[in-house]
Amino acid sequence: MMKKVFITLTGTKYYFGDDFLEKGMKIRLEKEPDNEYDKEAIKVIYEGLGKVGYVANSSYTVIGEAMSAGRLYDKIGDIAYAKVVLITQRGTICKVCKKSLKNEAEKKPEEKNKDNI
C-alpha cells in the first residue's frame, strides 16, 4: 500500500493570502516547466481564483514530513489534485489524492526487471 503523500502550499501571500483556505478544500497542482526560477516548480490552482501559490521546494518552506516539489515532480502527471488538511502560520499542509500519484509499477518498469534477471 502506498503511503500518504503530503505537500506544503507556500507563497500564498504573493497571491490571495490564505484567509480563504479551509480544511477539506480541493486544490489542483500543475507542473510549471517554464518557471525561470525552478524547473521543478508546481503551481497550486484554486478553481475560480487561479494561482494561489506553489508546492514548497526548499528546506525553509517545506513543513514536517511534507514532500518537496522536487520529490513529488516525478510521482505525478502534469496535473494532480490535493486536499487541504492543516493550515498553519508557516504554510498549509495538503494531502495529495491517491489517484493523482503515479503507480510505482508504472513509474520505473526497468527497475522491476532488474530483480527478475
N, C-alpha and C. Protein backbone atom coordinates (compact mmCIF):
# COMPACT_ATOMS: atom_id res chain seq x y z
N MET A 1 0.84 -1.19 0.00
CA MET A 1 0.00 0.00 0.00
C MET A 1 0.88 1.26 0.00
N MET A 2 0.54 2.20 -0.84
CA MET A 2 1.33 3.43 -0.93
C MET A 2 1.01 4.34 0.26
N LYS A 3 2.06 4.92 0.86
CA LYS A 3 1.78 5.79 2.00
C LYS A 3 1.27 7.14 1.54
N LYS A 4 0.62 7.83 2.45
CA LYS A 4 0.05 9.13 2.13
C LYS A 4 1.16 10.12 1.80
N VAL A 5 0.88 10.98 0.84
CA VAL A 5 1.85 11.99 0.42
C VAL A 5 1.29 13.38 0.75
N PHE A 6 2.06 14.13 1.53
CA PHE A 6 1.66 15.48 1.90
C PHE A 6 2.59 16.50 1.24
N ILE A 7 2.04 17.67 0.96
CA ILE A 7 2.85 18.77 0.42
C ILE A 7 2.57 20.02 1.25
N THR A 8 3.45 20.99 1.15
CA THR A 8 3.23 22.29 1.80
C THR A 8 2.89 23.30 0.71
N LEU A 9 1.75 23.96 0.86
CA LEU A 9 1.37 25.06 -0.03
C LEU A 9 2.05 26.31 0.52
N THR A 10 2.85 26.97 -0.30
CA THR A 10 3.59 28.14 0.16
C THR A 10 3.42 29.29 -0.84
N GLY A 11 3.83 30.49 -0.43
CA GLY A 11 3.79 31.64 -1.33
C GLY A 11 2.42 32.27 -1.47
N THR A 12 1.46 31.87 -0.63
CA THR A 12 0.09 32.39 -0.77
C THR A 12 0.03 33.91 -0.58
N LYS A 13 0.97 34.45 0.21
CA LYS A 13 0.96 35.90 0.48
C LYS A 13 1.19 36.72 -0.80
N TYR A 14 1.79 36.11 -1.82
CA TYR A 14 2.03 36.82 -3.09
C TYR A 14 0.81 36.82 -3.99
N TYR A 15 -0.22 36.08 -3.62
CA TYR A 15 -1.42 35.97 -4.46
C TYR A 15 -2.65 36.47 -3.70
N PHE A 16 -3.36 35.57 -3.04
CA PHE A 16 -4.62 35.97 -2.38
C PHE A 16 -4.58 35.80 -0.87
N GLY A 17 -3.39 35.57 -0.31
CA GLY A 17 -3.30 35.30 1.13
C GLY A 17 -3.79 33.89 1.41
N ASP A 18 -4.06 33.59 2.69
CA ASP A 18 -4.54 32.25 2.99
C ASP A 18 -5.82 32.26 3.82
N ASP A 19 -6.45 33.43 3.94
CA ASP A 19 -7.69 33.54 4.72
C ASP A 19 -8.82 32.70 4.13
N PHE A 20 -8.80 32.50 2.84
CA PHE A 20 -9.88 31.76 2.17
C PHE A 20 -9.70 30.24 2.29
N LEU A 21 -8.51 29.79 2.68
CA LEU A 21 -8.23 28.35 2.75
C LEU A 21 -8.99 27.70 3.89
N GLU A 22 -9.57 26.55 3.61
CA GLU A 22 -10.30 25.80 4.63
C GLU A 22 -9.95 24.33 4.53
N LYS A 23 -9.99 23.65 5.66
CA LYS A 23 -9.73 22.21 5.70
C LYS A 23 -10.72 21.50 4.78
N GLY A 24 -10.22 20.56 3.98
CA GLY A 24 -11.08 19.80 3.07
C GLY A 24 -11.20 20.40 1.68
N MET A 25 -10.71 21.62 1.51
CA MET A 25 -10.77 22.30 0.23
C MET A 25 -9.91 21.58 -0.80
N LYS A 26 -10.43 21.43 -2.02
CA LYS A 26 -9.67 20.75 -3.08
C LYS A 26 -8.88 21.76 -3.90
N ILE A 27 -7.62 21.43 -4.15
CA ILE A 27 -6.77 22.29 -4.96
C ILE A 27 -6.16 21.47 -6.09
N ARG A 28 -5.76 22.16 -7.15
CA ARG A 28 -5.14 21.48 -8.29
C ARG A 28 -3.66 21.84 -8.34
N LEU A 29 -2.83 20.84 -8.56
CA LEU A 29 -1.39 21.05 -8.69
C LEU A 29 -1.04 20.95 -10.17
N GLU A 30 -0.32 21.90 -10.70
CA GLU A 30 0.07 21.89 -12.12
C GLU A 30 1.56 22.13 -12.25
N LYS A 31 2.23 21.24 -12.97
CA LYS A 31 3.66 21.44 -13.22
C LYS A 31 3.86 22.70 -14.04
N GLU A 32 4.93 23.41 -13.75
CA GLU A 32 5.22 24.67 -14.46
C GLU A 32 6.66 24.61 -14.98
N PRO A 33 6.91 23.78 -16.02
CA PRO A 33 8.27 23.56 -16.50
C PRO A 33 8.96 24.80 -17.05
N ASP A 34 8.19 25.83 -17.43
CA ASP A 34 8.80 27.05 -17.97
C ASP A 34 9.09 28.09 -16.88
N ASN A 35 8.99 27.69 -15.61
CA ASN A 35 9.29 28.60 -14.50
C ASN A 35 10.78 28.93 -14.52
N GLU A 36 11.11 30.23 -14.55
CA GLU A 36 12.52 30.63 -14.71
C GLU A 36 13.36 30.40 -13.44
N TYR A 37 12.70 30.27 -12.29
CA TYR A 37 13.43 30.11 -11.03
C TYR A 37 13.61 28.65 -10.62
N ASP A 38 12.67 27.80 -11.04
CA ASP A 38 12.67 26.42 -10.57
C ASP A 38 12.07 25.51 -11.64
N LYS A 39 12.91 24.66 -12.24
CA LYS A 39 12.41 23.81 -13.33
C LYS A 39 11.48 22.70 -12.82
N GLU A 40 11.43 22.51 -11.50
CA GLU A 40 10.51 21.52 -10.93
C GLU A 40 9.35 22.21 -10.20
N ALA A 41 9.08 23.45 -10.56
CA ALA A 41 8.00 24.20 -9.90
C ALA A 41 6.65 23.55 -10.17
N ILE A 42 5.83 23.51 -9.13
CA ILE A 42 4.45 23.02 -9.24
C ILE A 42 3.56 24.09 -8.65
N LYS A 43 2.77 24.74 -9.53
CA LYS A 43 1.89 25.80 -9.04
C LYS A 43 0.60 25.18 -8.49
N VAL A 44 -0.03 25.92 -7.58
CA VAL A 44 -1.25 25.47 -6.94
C VAL A 44 -2.38 26.37 -7.41
N ILE A 45 -3.43 25.75 -7.95
CA ILE A 45 -4.57 26.46 -8.52
C ILE A 45 -5.81 26.18 -7.68
N TYR A 46 -6.58 27.24 -7.41
CA TYR A 46 -7.89 27.04 -6.77
C TYR A 46 -8.94 27.50 -7.78
N GLU A 47 -9.87 26.60 -8.09
CA GLU A 47 -10.92 26.87 -9.07
C GLU A 47 -11.61 28.20 -8.79
N GLY A 48 -11.66 29.07 -9.79
CA GLY A 48 -12.34 30.36 -9.64
C GLY A 48 -11.40 31.49 -9.24
N LEU A 49 -10.26 31.16 -8.65
CA LEU A 49 -9.29 32.19 -8.26
C LEU A 49 -8.06 32.16 -9.15
N GLY A 50 -7.66 30.96 -9.54
CA GLY A 50 -6.43 30.81 -10.31
C GLY A 50 -5.28 30.43 -9.38
N LYS A 51 -4.08 30.91 -9.72
CA LYS A 51 -2.89 30.53 -8.95
C LYS A 51 -2.95 31.13 -7.54
N VAL A 52 -2.79 30.26 -6.53
CA VAL A 52 -2.83 30.72 -5.14
C VAL A 52 -1.49 30.51 -4.43
N GLY A 53 -0.53 29.86 -5.11
CA GLY A 53 0.77 29.62 -4.51
C GLY A 53 1.50 28.50 -5.22
N TYR A 54 2.47 27.92 -4.52
CA TYR A 54 3.29 26.84 -5.08
C TYR A 54 3.47 25.72 -4.06
N VAL A 55 3.81 24.54 -4.57
CA VAL A 55 4.23 23.45 -3.69
C VAL A 55 5.64 23.83 -3.22
N ALA A 56 5.84 23.86 -1.90
CA ALA A 56 7.14 24.25 -1.33
C ALA A 56 8.24 23.34 -1.86
N ASN A 57 9.41 23.94 -2.14
CA ASN A 57 10.51 23.15 -2.70
C ASN A 57 11.85 23.46 -2.04
N SER A 58 11.81 24.02 -0.82
CA SER A 58 13.09 24.27 -0.14
C SER A 58 12.97 23.86 1.32
N SER A 59 14.10 23.57 1.93
CA SER A 59 14.09 23.14 3.33
C SER A 59 13.53 24.23 4.25
N TYR A 60 13.49 25.46 3.76
CA TYR A 60 12.96 26.57 4.57
C TYR A 60 11.44 26.64 4.51
N THR A 61 10.85 26.12 3.42
CA THR A 61 9.40 26.27 3.25
C THR A 61 8.62 24.96 3.39
N VAL A 62 9.29 23.82 3.24
CA VAL A 62 8.62 22.52 3.41
C VAL A 62 8.43 22.29 4.91
N ILE A 63 7.20 21.94 5.30
CA ILE A 63 6.90 21.73 6.72
C ILE A 63 6.84 20.24 7.05
N GLY A 64 7.46 19.86 8.16
CA GLY A 64 7.35 18.50 8.68
C GLY A 64 7.73 17.42 7.68
N GLU A 65 6.86 16.44 7.52
CA GLU A 65 7.13 15.29 6.65
C GLU A 65 6.60 15.50 5.24
N ALA A 66 6.21 16.73 4.93
CA ALA A 66 5.69 17.02 3.60
C ALA A 66 6.78 16.80 2.55
N MET A 67 6.36 16.46 1.35
CA MET A 67 7.29 16.20 0.25
C MET A 67 7.55 17.51 -0.51
N SER A 68 8.79 17.73 -0.89
CA SER A 68 9.11 18.94 -1.67
C SER A 68 8.61 18.76 -3.10
N ALA A 69 8.49 19.87 -3.83
CA ALA A 69 8.05 19.81 -5.23
C ALA A 69 9.01 18.93 -6.04
N GLY A 70 10.30 19.03 -5.75
CA GLY A 70 11.30 18.24 -6.47
C GLY A 70 11.09 16.75 -6.31
N ARG A 71 10.74 16.33 -5.09
CA ARG A 71 10.50 14.90 -4.83
C ARG A 71 9.16 14.44 -5.40
N LEU A 72 8.19 15.33 -5.42
CA LEU A 72 6.85 15.00 -5.91
C LEU A 72 6.78 14.98 -7.44
N TYR A 73 7.62 15.80 -8.07
CA TYR A 73 7.55 16.07 -9.52
C TYR A 73 7.37 14.81 -10.38
N ASP A 74 8.18 13.79 -10.15
CA ASP A 74 8.12 12.58 -10.98
C ASP A 74 7.06 11.59 -10.52
N LYS A 75 6.40 11.90 -9.41
CA LYS A 75 5.39 10.99 -8.88
C LYS A 75 3.98 11.34 -9.35
N ILE A 76 3.87 12.50 -10.04
CA ILE A 76 2.56 12.93 -10.54
C ILE A 76 2.64 13.19 -12.04
N GLY A 77 1.48 13.26 -12.68
CA GLY A 77 1.42 13.66 -14.09
C GLY A 77 1.52 15.19 -14.15
N ASP A 78 1.10 15.78 -15.26
CA ASP A 78 1.18 17.23 -15.41
C ASP A 78 0.22 17.95 -14.47
N ILE A 79 -0.87 17.26 -14.12
CA ILE A 79 -1.87 17.82 -13.22
C ILE A 79 -2.18 16.80 -12.13
N ALA A 80 -2.30 17.27 -10.90
CA ALA A 80 -2.66 16.40 -9.78
C ALA A 80 -3.63 17.17 -8.88
N TYR A 81 -4.23 16.46 -7.95
CA TYR A 81 -5.16 17.10 -7.03
C TYR A 81 -4.77 16.82 -5.60
N ALA A 82 -5.08 17.76 -4.71
CA ALA A 82 -4.76 17.61 -3.30
C ALA A 82 -5.88 18.25 -2.48
N LYS A 83 -5.89 17.91 -1.20
CA LYS A 83 -6.88 18.47 -0.27
C LYS A 83 -6.16 19.13 0.90
N VAL A 84 -6.66 20.29 1.29
CA VAL A 84 -6.10 20.99 2.45
C VAL A 84 -6.42 20.19 3.71
N VAL A 85 -5.39 19.89 4.52
CA VAL A 85 -5.63 19.17 5.76
C VAL A 85 -5.31 19.99 7.01
N LEU A 86 -4.37 20.94 6.90
CA LEU A 86 -3.98 21.72 8.07
C LEU A 86 -3.43 23.07 7.64
N ILE A 87 -3.92 24.13 8.26
CA ILE A 87 -3.45 25.47 7.95
C ILE A 87 -2.64 25.98 9.14
N THR A 88 -1.36 26.30 8.92
CA THR A 88 -0.51 26.81 10.00
C THR A 88 0.02 28.17 9.58
N GLN A 89 0.67 28.85 10.50
CA GLN A 89 1.24 30.16 10.17
C GLN A 89 2.40 30.04 9.20
N ARG A 90 3.08 28.90 9.21
CA ARG A 90 4.24 28.69 8.33
C ARG A 90 3.86 28.20 6.94
N GLY A 91 2.65 27.71 6.78
CA GLY A 91 2.23 27.18 5.49
C GLY A 91 1.05 26.25 5.66
N THR A 92 0.52 25.78 4.56
CA THR A 92 -0.66 24.92 4.57
C THR A 92 -0.26 23.52 4.13
N ILE A 93 -0.62 22.53 4.94
CA ILE A 93 -0.34 21.13 4.62
C ILE A 93 -1.52 20.57 3.82
N CYS A 94 -1.20 19.91 2.71
CA CYS A 94 -2.22 19.32 1.86
C CYS A 94 -1.86 17.86 1.57
N LYS A 95 -2.88 17.04 1.43
CA LYS A 95 -2.66 15.63 1.11
C LYS A 95 -2.93 15.42 -0.37
N VAL A 96 -1.95 14.86 -1.07
CA VAL A 96 -2.10 14.59 -2.50
C VAL A 96 -3.06 13.40 -2.65
N CYS A 97 -4.06 13.56 -3.52
CA CYS A 97 -5.04 12.48 -3.74
C CYS A 97 -4.34 11.26 -4.33
N LYS A 98 -4.65 10.09 -3.79
CA LYS A 98 -4.01 8.84 -4.23
C LYS A 98 -4.11 8.64 -5.74
N LYS A 99 -5.27 8.99 -6.32
CA LYS A 99 -5.48 8.80 -7.76
C LYS A 99 -4.54 9.65 -8.59
N SER A 100 -4.00 10.72 -8.00
CA SER A 100 -3.08 11.61 -8.71
C SER A 100 -1.66 11.07 -8.74
N LEU A 101 -1.36 10.12 -7.86
CA LEU A 101 0.00 9.59 -7.77
C LEU A 101 0.21 8.49 -8.79
N LYS A 102 1.33 8.56 -9.49
CA LYS A 102 1.66 7.50 -10.45
C LYS A 102 1.94 6.23 -9.67
N ASN A 103 1.57 5.12 -10.26
CA ASN A 103 1.82 3.81 -9.66
C ASN A 103 3.32 3.54 -9.65
N GLU A 104 3.83 2.90 -8.63
CA GLU A 104 5.25 2.54 -8.58
C GLU A 104 5.60 1.67 -9.79
N ALA A 105 4.74 0.73 -10.12
CA ALA A 105 4.98 -0.19 -11.24
C ALA A 105 5.04 0.57 -12.56
N GLU A 106 4.19 1.58 -12.67
CA GLU A 106 4.10 2.38 -13.88
C GLU A 106 5.32 3.29 -14.02
N LYS A 107 5.87 3.71 -12.86
CA LYS A 107 6.92 4.72 -12.86
C LYS A 107 8.26 4.22 -13.39
N LYS A 108 8.74 3.07 -12.91
CA LYS A 108 10.06 2.61 -13.31
C LYS A 108 10.06 1.11 -13.65
N PRO A 109 9.51 0.76 -14.80
CA PRO A 109 9.47 -0.66 -15.14
C PRO A 109 10.85 -1.28 -15.27
N GLU A 110 11.85 -0.49 -15.68
CA GLU A 110 13.21 -1.02 -15.86
C GLU A 110 13.79 -1.47 -14.52
N GLU A 111 13.39 -0.82 -13.42
CA GLU A 111 13.90 -1.19 -12.11
C GLU A 111 13.31 -2.54 -11.66
N LYS A 112 12.06 -2.77 -12.04
CA LYS A 112 11.41 -4.04 -11.66
C LYS A 112 12.10 -5.21 -12.37
N ASN A 113 12.45 -4.99 -13.64
CA ASN A 113 13.06 -6.06 -14.45
C ASN A 113 14.43 -6.48 -13.93
N LYS A 114 15.15 -5.55 -13.31
CA LYS A 114 16.47 -5.86 -12.78
C LYS A 114 16.41 -7.04 -11.81
N ASP A 115 15.36 -7.07 -11.01
CA ASP A 115 15.22 -8.13 -10.00
C ASP A 115 14.95 -9.49 -10.63
N ASN A 116 14.38 -9.48 -11.82
CA ASN A 116 13.99 -10.74 -12.46
C ASN A 116 15.07 -11.35 -13.34
N ILE A 117 16.18 -10.66 -13.53
CA ILE A 117 17.24 -11.14 -14.42
C ILE A 117 18.08 -12.21 -13.75
